[in-house]
PDB file of all heavy atoms in Angstrom:
ATOM      1  N   ALA A   1       0.839  -1.207   0.000  1.00  0.00           N
ATOM      2  CA  ALA A   1       0.000   0.000   0.000  1.00  0.00           C
ATOM      3  C   ALA A   1       0.869   1.250   0.000  1.00  0.00           C
ATOM      4  O   ALA A   1       1.967   1.270   0.574  1.00  0.00           O
ATOM      5  CB  ALA A   1      -0.907  -0.007   1.223  1.00  0.00           C
ATOM      6  N   LYS A   2       0.384   2.288  -0.645  1.00  0.00           N
ATOM      7  CA  LYS A   2       1.111   3.556  -0.651  1.00  0.00           C
ATOM      8  C   LYS A   2       0.888   4.295   0.664  1.00  0.00           C
ATOM      9  O   LYS A   2      -0.153   4.153   1.297  1.00  0.00           O
ATOM     10  CB  LYS A   2       0.681   4.410  -1.838  1.00  0.00           C
ATOM     11  CG  LYS A   2       1.035   3.813  -3.197  1.00  0.00           C
ATOM     12  CD  LYS A   2       0.785   4.790  -4.329  1.00  0.00           C
ATOM     13  CE  LYS A   2       0.962   4.122  -5.693  1.00  0.00           C
ATOM     14  NZ  LYS A   2       2.332   3.660  -5.915  1.00  0.00           N
ATOM     15  N   GLN A   3       1.866   5.097   1.038  1.00  0.00           N
ATOM     16  CA  GLN A   3       1.812   5.859   2.268  1.00  0.00           C
ATOM     17  C   GLN A   3       1.871   7.348   1.948  1.00  0.00           C
ATOM     18  O   GLN A   3       2.617   7.772   1.063  1.00  0.00           O
ATOM     19  CB  GLN A   3       2.983   5.480   3.187  1.00  0.00           C
ATOM     20  CG  GLN A   3       3.066   4.003   3.528  1.00  0.00           C
ATOM     21  CD  GLN A   3       1.905   3.524   4.380  1.00  0.00           C
ATOM     22  OE1 GLN A   3       1.450   4.242   5.273  1.00  0.00           O
ATOM     23  NE2 GLN A   3       1.420   2.319   4.094  1.00  0.00           N
ATOM     24  N   ASN A   4       1.088   8.132   2.678  1.00  0.00           N
ATOM     25  CA  ASN A   4       1.095   9.582   2.509  1.00  0.00           C
ATOM     26  C   ASN A   4       2.368  10.145   3.148  1.00  0.00           C
ATOM     27  O   ASN A   4       2.528  10.112   4.371  1.00  0.00           O
ATOM     28  CB  ASN A   4      -0.141  10.196   3.153  1.00  0.00           C
ATOM     29  CG  ASN A   4      -0.225  11.696   2.930  1.00  0.00           C
ATOM     30  OD1 ASN A   4       0.578  12.299   2.229  1.00  0.00           O
ATOM     31  ND2 ASN A   4      -1.233  12.316   3.531  1.00  0.00           N
ATOM     32  N   ILE A   5       3.273  10.680   2.309  1.00  0.00           N
ATOM     33  CA  ILE A   5       4.523  11.225   2.827  1.00  0.00           C
ATOM     34  C   ILE A   5       4.501  12.753   2.867  1.00  0.00           C
ATOM     35  O   ILE A   5       5.466  13.388   3.267  1.00  0.00           O
ATOM     36  CB  ILE A   5       5.737  10.730   2.005  1.00  0.00           C
ATOM     37  CG1 ILE A   5       5.596  11.125   0.527  1.00  0.00           C
ATOM     38  CG2 ILE A   5       5.892   9.228   2.142  1.00  0.00           C
ATOM     39  CD1 ILE A   5       6.839  10.804  -0.302  1.00  0.00           C
ATOM     40  N   GLY A   6       3.393  13.339   2.396  1.00  0.00           N
ATOM     41  CA  GLY A   6       3.198  14.777   2.540  1.00  0.00           C
ATOM     42  C   GLY A   6       3.851  15.650   1.498  1.00  0.00           C
ATOM     43  O   GLY A   6       3.383  16.761   1.233  1.00  0.00           O
ATOM     44  N   SER A   7       4.938  15.185   0.890  1.00  0.00           N
ATOM     45  CA  SER A   7       5.669  15.990  -0.077  1.00  0.00           C
ATOM     46  C   SER A   7       6.567  15.073  -0.893  1.00  0.00           C
ATOM     47  O   SER A   7       7.092  14.081  -0.361  1.00  0.00           O
ATOM     48  CB  SER A   7       6.511  17.041   0.645  1.00  0.00           C
ATOM     49  OG  SER A   7       7.271  17.794  -0.270  1.00  0.00           O
ATOM     50  N   CYS A   8       6.725  15.397  -2.180  1.00  0.00           N
ATOM     51  CA  CYS A   8       7.571  14.534  -3.007  1.00  0.00           C
ATOM     52  C   CYS A   8       8.019  15.267  -4.263  1.00  0.00           C
ATOM     53  O   CYS A   8       7.329  16.163  -4.763  1.00  0.00           O
ATOM     54  CB  CYS A   8       6.816  13.268  -3.405  1.00  0.00           C
ATOM     55  SG  CYS A   8       7.874  11.960  -4.091  1.00  0.00           S
ATOM     56  N   ASN A   9       9.180  14.858  -4.777  1.00  0.00           N
ATOM     57  CA  ASN A   9       9.656  15.347  -6.068  1.00  0.00           C
ATOM     58  C   ASN A   9       9.044  14.521  -7.184  1.00  0.00           C
ATOM     59  O   ASN A   9       8.994  13.285  -7.092  1.00  0.00           O
ATOM     60  CB  ASN A   9      11.178  15.252  -6.146  1.00  0.00           C
ATOM     61  CG  ASN A   9      11.866  16.253  -5.249  1.00  0.00           C
ATOM     62  OD1 ASN A   9      11.429  17.393  -5.133  1.00  0.00           O
ATOM     63  ND2 ASN A   9      12.949  15.834  -4.605  1.00  0.00           N
ATOM     64  N   PHE A  10       8.576  15.207  -8.232  1.00  0.00           N
ATOM     65  CA  PHE A  10       8.037  14.563  -9.421  1.00  0.00           C
ATOM     66  C   PHE A  10       9.082  14.692 -10.520  1.00  0.00           C
ATOM     67  O   PHE A  10       9.503  15.804 -10.857  1.00  0.00           O
ATOM     68  CB  PHE A  10       6.721  15.211  -9.844  1.00  0.00           C
ATOM     69  CG  PHE A  10       5.551  14.854  -8.974  1.00  0.00           C
ATOM     70  CD1 PHE A  10       5.543  15.197  -7.623  1.00  0.00           C
ATOM     71  CD2 PHE A  10       4.477  14.153  -9.486  1.00  0.00           C
ATOM     72  CE1 PHE A  10       4.471  14.858  -6.807  1.00  0.00           C
ATOM     73  CE2 PHE A  10       3.393  13.822  -8.678  1.00  0.00           C
ATOM     74  CZ  PHE A  10       3.398  14.174  -7.329  1.00  0.00           C
ATOM     75  N   ILE A  11       9.505  13.567 -11.073  1.00  0.00           N
ATOM     76  CA  ILE A  11      10.586  13.542 -12.051  1.00  0.00           C
ATOM     77  C   ILE A  11       9.998  13.477 -13.455  1.00  0.00           C
ATOM     78  O   ILE A  11       9.131  12.636 -13.744  1.00  0.00           O
ATOM     79  CB  ILE A  11      11.514  12.343 -11.808  1.00  0.00           C
ATOM     80  CG1 ILE A  11      12.079  12.406 -10.381  1.00  0.00           C
ATOM     81  CG2 ILE A  11      12.644  12.317 -12.830  1.00  0.00           C
ATOM     82  CD1 ILE A  11      12.824  11.162  -9.957  1.00  0.00           C
ATOM     83  N   GLU A  12      10.447  14.352 -14.331  1.00  0.00           N
ATOM     84  CA  GLU A  12       9.935  14.428 -15.698  1.00  0.00           C
ATOM     85  C   GLU A  12      10.041  13.093 -16.409  1.00  0.00           C
ATOM     86  O   GLU A  12      11.080  12.429 -16.389  1.00  0.00           O
ATOM     87  CB  GLU A  12      10.694  15.510 -16.479  1.00  0.00           C
ATOM     88  CG  GLU A  12      10.162  15.715 -17.891  1.00  0.00           C
ATOM     89  CD  GLU A  12      10.779  16.930 -18.568  1.00  0.00           C
ATOM     90  OE1 GLU A  12      11.065  17.931 -17.863  1.00  0.00           O
ATOM     91  OE2 GLU A  12      10.980  16.869 -19.791  1.00  0.00           O
ATOM     92  N   ASP A  13       8.918  12.677 -17.029  1.00  0.00           N
ATOM     93  CA  ASP A  13       8.812  11.426 -17.778  1.00  0.00           C
ATOM     94  C   ASP A  13       9.233  10.217 -16.948  1.00  0.00           C
ATOM     95  O   ASP A  13       9.779   9.250 -17.464  1.00  0.00           O
ATOM     96  CB  ASP A  13       9.623  11.481 -19.072  1.00  0.00           C
ATOM     97  CG  ASP A  13       9.104  10.474 -20.101  1.00  0.00           C
ATOM     98  OD1 ASP A  13       7.915  10.103 -20.026  1.00  0.00           O
ATOM     99  OD2 ASP A  13       9.899  10.044 -20.967  1.00  0.00           O
ATOM    100  N   TRP A  14       8.935  10.256 -15.645  1.00  0.00           N
ATOM    101  CA  TRP A  14       9.267   9.131 -14.778  1.00  0.00           C
ATOM    102  C   TRP A  14       8.197   8.918 -13.705  1.00  0.00           C
ATOM    103  O   TRP A  14       7.613   7.855 -13.630  1.00  0.00           O
ATOM    104  CB  TRP A  14      10.629   9.350 -14.128  1.00  0.00           C
ATOM    105  CG  TRP A  14      11.095   8.162 -13.339  1.00  0.00           C
ATOM    106  CD1 TRP A  14      11.077   7.989 -11.984  1.00  0.00           C
ATOM    107  CD2 TRP A  14      11.628   6.941 -13.882  1.00  0.00           C
ATOM    108  NE1 TRP A  14      11.568   6.756 -11.636  1.00  0.00           N
ATOM    109  CE2 TRP A  14      11.919   6.088 -12.782  1.00  0.00           C
ATOM    110  CE3 TRP A  14      11.886   6.497 -15.179  1.00  0.00           C
ATOM    111  CZ2 TRP A  14      12.459   4.823 -12.949  1.00  0.00           C
ATOM    112  CZ3 TRP A  14      12.430   5.221 -15.348  1.00  0.00           C
ATOM    113  CH2 TRP A  14      12.705   4.407 -14.239  1.00  0.00           C
ATOM    114  N   GLY A  15       7.934   9.939 -12.890  1.00  0.00           N
ATOM    115  CA  GLY A  15       6.951   9.790 -11.839  1.00  0.00           C
ATOM    116  C   GLY A  15       7.451  10.335 -10.528  1.00  0.00           C
ATOM    117  O   GLY A  15       8.329  11.201 -10.483  1.00  0.00           O
ATOM    118  N   LEU A  16       6.913   9.817  -9.410  1.00  0.00           N
ATOM    119  CA  LEU A  16       7.316  10.297  -8.096  1.00  0.00           C
ATOM    120  C   LEU A  16       8.629   9.649  -7.683  1.00  0.00           C
ATOM    121  O   LEU A  16       8.823   8.443  -7.878  1.00  0.00           O
ATOM    122  CB  LEU A  16       6.243   9.982  -7.047  1.00  0.00           C
ATOM    123  CG  LEU A  16       5.027  10.907  -7.003  1.00  0.00           C
ATOM    124  CD1 LEU A  16       4.091  10.628  -8.167  1.00  0.00           C
ATOM    125  CD2 LEU A  16       4.287  10.772  -5.680  1.00  0.00           C
ATOM    126  N   GLU A  17       9.490  10.436  -7.108  1.00  0.00           N
ATOM    127  CA  GLU A  17      10.782   9.941  -6.646  1.00  0.00           C
ATOM    128  C   GLU A  17      10.586   8.813  -5.629  1.00  0.00           C
ATOM    129  O   GLU A  17       9.798   8.937  -4.688  1.00  0.00           O
ATOM    130  CB  GLU A  17      11.575  11.080  -6.017  1.00  0.00           C
ATOM    131  CG  GLU A  17      13.000  10.728  -5.641  1.00  0.00           C
ATOM    132  CD  GLU A  17      13.766  11.926  -5.123  1.00  0.00           C
ATOM    133  OE1 GLU A  17      13.130  12.893  -4.649  1.00  0.00           O
ATOM    134  OE2 GLU A  17      15.005  11.906  -5.185  1.00  0.00           O
ATOM    135  N   LYS A  18      11.269   7.698  -5.869  1.00  0.00           N
ATOM    136  CA  LYS A  18      11.260   6.508  -5.014  1.00  0.00           C
ATOM    137  C   LYS A  18       9.954   5.720  -5.060  1.00  0.00           C
ATOM    138  O   LYS A  18       9.804   4.741  -4.315  1.00  0.00           O
ATOM    139  CB  LYS A  18      11.591   6.869  -3.562  1.00  0.00           C
ATOM    140  CG  LYS A  18      12.986   7.433  -3.364  1.00  0.00           C
ATOM    141  CD  LYS A  18      13.271   7.689  -1.888  1.00  0.00           C
ATOM    142  CE  LYS A  18      14.687   8.232  -1.704  1.00  0.00           C
ATOM    143  NZ  LYS A  18      14.990   8.483  -0.262  1.00  0.00           N
ATOM    144  N   ASP A  19       9.007   6.109  -5.919  1.00  0.00           N
ATOM    145  CA  ASP A  19       7.768   5.342  -6.012  1.00  0.00           C
ATOM    146  C   ASP A  19       7.989   4.114  -6.889  1.00  0.00           C
ATOM    147  O   ASP A  19       8.578   4.199  -7.974  1.00  0.00           O
ATOM    148  CB  ASP A  19       6.640   6.193  -6.608  1.00  0.00           C
ATOM    149  CG  ASP A  19       5.314   5.447  -6.628  1.00  0.00           C
ATOM    150  OD1 ASP A  19       4.934   4.911  -5.583  1.00  0.00           O
ATOM    151  OD2 ASP A  19       4.678   5.406  -7.694  1.00  0.00           O
ATOM    152  N   ALA A  20       7.513   2.970  -6.424  1.00  0.00           N
ATOM    153  CA  ALA A  20       7.747   1.710  -7.127  1.00  0.00           C
ATOM    154  C   ALA A  20       7.087   1.658  -8.491  1.00  0.00           C
ATOM    155  O   ALA A  20       7.507   0.885  -9.359  1.00  0.00           O
ATOM    156  CB  ALA A  20       7.246   0.546  -6.265  1.00  0.00           C
ATOM    157  N   HIS A  21       6.047   2.467  -8.711  1.00  0.00           N
ATOM    158  CA  HIS A  21       5.322   2.414  -9.982  1.00  0.00           C
ATOM    159  C   HIS A  21       5.778   3.489 -10.969  1.00  0.00           C
ATOM    160  O   HIS A  21       5.202   3.627 -12.049  1.00  0.00           O
ATOM    161  CB  HIS A  21       3.818   2.534  -9.723  1.00  0.00           C
ATOM    162  CG  HIS A  21       3.265   1.370  -8.950  1.00  0.00           C
ATOM    163  ND1 HIS A  21       3.201   1.374  -7.575  1.00  0.00           N
ATOM    164  CD2 HIS A  21       2.790   0.166  -9.358  1.00  0.00           C
ATOM    165  CE1 HIS A  21       2.686   0.212  -7.171  1.00  0.00           C
ATOM    166  NE2 HIS A  21       2.429  -0.531  -8.221  1.00  0.00           N
ATOM    167  N   ALA A  22       6.790   4.258 -10.595  1.00  0.00           N
ATOM    168  CA  ALA A  22       7.348   5.226 -11.538  1.00  0.00           C
ATOM    169  C   ALA A  22       8.117   4.488 -12.631  1.00  0.00           C
ATOM    170  O   ALA A  22       8.528   3.343 -12.465  1.00  0.00           O
ATOM    171  CB  ALA A  22       8.268   6.197 -10.801  1.00  0.00           C
ATOM    172  N   GLY A  23       8.280   5.141 -13.760  1.00  0.00           N
ATOM    173  CA  GLY A  23       9.024   4.503 -14.850  1.00  0.00           C
ATOM    174  C   GLY A  23       8.723   5.142 -16.177  1.00  0.00           C
ATOM    175  O   GLY A  23       7.887   6.042 -16.288  1.00  0.00           O
ATOM    176  N   ASN A  24       9.377   4.663 -17.203  1.00  0.00           N
ATOM    177  CA  ASN A  24       9.209   5.201 -18.551  1.00  0.00           C
ATOM    178  C   ASN A  24       8.019   4.522 -19.228  1.00  0.00           C
ATOM    179  O   ASN A  24       8.175   3.713 -20.132  1.00  0.00           O
ATOM    180  CB  ASN A  24      10.493   5.010 -19.351  1.00  0.00           C
ATOM    181  CG  ASN A  24      10.427   5.692 -20.699  1.00  0.00           C
ATOM    182  OD1 ASN A  24       9.631   6.593 -20.915  1.00  0.00           O
ATOM    183  ND2 ASN A  24      11.261   5.247 -21.618  1.00  0.00           N
ATOM    184  N   TRP A  25       6.801   4.867 -18.723  1.00  0.00           N
ATOM    185  CA  TRP A  25       5.572   4.305 -19.288  1.00  0.00           C
ATOM    186  C   TRP A  25       4.462   5.322 -19.106  1.00  0.00           C
ATOM    187  O   TRP A  25       4.716   6.448 -18.679  1.00  0.00           O
ATOM    188  CB  TRP A  25       5.252   2.949 -18.656  1.00  0.00           C
ATOM    189  CG  TRP A  25       4.897   2.968 -17.196  1.00  0.00           C
ATOM    190  CD1 TRP A  25       5.448   3.728 -16.197  1.00  0.00           C
ATOM    191  CD2 TRP A  25       3.908   2.165 -16.557  1.00  0.00           C
ATOM    192  NE1 TRP A  25       4.872   3.453 -14.988  1.00  0.00           N
ATOM    193  CE2 TRP A  25       3.921   2.498 -15.168  1.00  0.00           C
ATOM    194  CE3 TRP A  25       3.012   1.200 -17.017  1.00  0.00           C
ATOM    195  CZ2 TRP A  25       3.063   1.887 -14.252  1.00  0.00           C
ATOM    196  CZ3 TRP A  25       2.164   0.593 -16.094  1.00  0.00           C
ATOM    197  CH2 TRP A  25       2.204   0.935 -14.733  1.00  0.00           C
ATOM    198  N   HIS A  26       3.223   4.946 -19.443  1.00  0.00           N
ATOM    199  CA  HIS A  26       2.153   5.939 -19.477  1.00  0.00           C
ATOM    200  C   HIS A  26       1.435   6.113 -18.146  1.00  0.00           C
ATOM    201  O   HIS A  26       0.682   7.065 -17.977  1.00  0.00           O
ATOM    202  CB  HIS A  26       1.134   5.571 -20.566  1.00  0.00           C
ATOM    203  CG  HIS A  26       0.364   4.319 -20.271  1.00  0.00           C
ATOM    204  ND1 HIS A  26       0.924   3.073 -20.422  1.00  0.00           N
ATOM    205  CD2 HIS A  26      -0.906   4.115 -19.833  1.00  0.00           C
ATOM    206  CE1 HIS A  26       0.025   2.146 -20.095  1.00  0.00           C
ATOM    207  NE2 HIS A  26      -1.088   2.761 -19.726  1.00  0.00           N
ATOM    208  N   ARG A  27       1.631   5.196 -17.183  1.00  0.00           N
ATOM    209  CA  ARG A  27       0.946   5.311 -15.895  1.00  0.00           C
ATOM    210  C   ARG A  27       1.943   5.714 -14.807  1.00  0.00           C
ATOM    211  O   ARG A  27       2.150   5.009 -13.826  1.00  0.00           O
ATOM    212  CB  ARG A  27       0.241   4.001 -15.542  1.00  0.00           C
ATOM    213  CG  ARG A  27      -0.909   3.672 -16.491  1.00  0.00           C
ATOM    214  CD  ARG A  27      -1.981   2.820 -15.827  1.00  0.00           C
ATOM    215  NE  ARG A  27      -1.488   1.555 -15.324  1.00  0.00           N
ATOM    216  CZ  ARG A  27      -1.641   0.377 -15.925  1.00  0.00           C
ATOM    217  NH1 ARG A  27      -2.247   0.324 -17.095  1.00  0.00           N
ATOM    218  NH2 ARG A  27      -1.186  -0.721 -15.381  1.00  0.00           N
ATOM    219  N   GLN A  28       2.568   6.871 -14.990  1.00  0.00           N
ATOM    220  CA  GLN A  28       3.608   7.312 -14.067  1.00  0.00           C
ATOM    221  C   GLN A  28       3.038   7.841 -12.754  1.00  0.00           C
ATOM    222  O   GLN A  28       3.667   7.713 -11.705  1.00  0.00           O
ATOM    223  CB  GLN A  28       4.464   8.382 -14.742  1.00  0.00           C
ATOM    224  CG  GLN A  28       5.236   7.849 -15.943  1.00  0.00           C
ATOM    225  CD  GLN A  28       5.878   8.932 -16.773  1.00  0.00           C
ATOM    226  OE1 GLN A  28       5.665  10.120 -16.543  1.00  0.00           O
ATOM    227  NE2 GLN A  28       6.664   8.534 -17.765  1.00  0.00           N
TER     228      GLN A  28
END
């Protein structure tokens, strides 16, 4: 399950920093 961390960096064409579902795909 995801946890509310309150703040995060969003990386261009990747997703949220350290998020397991980030990546070079369409559901970032």
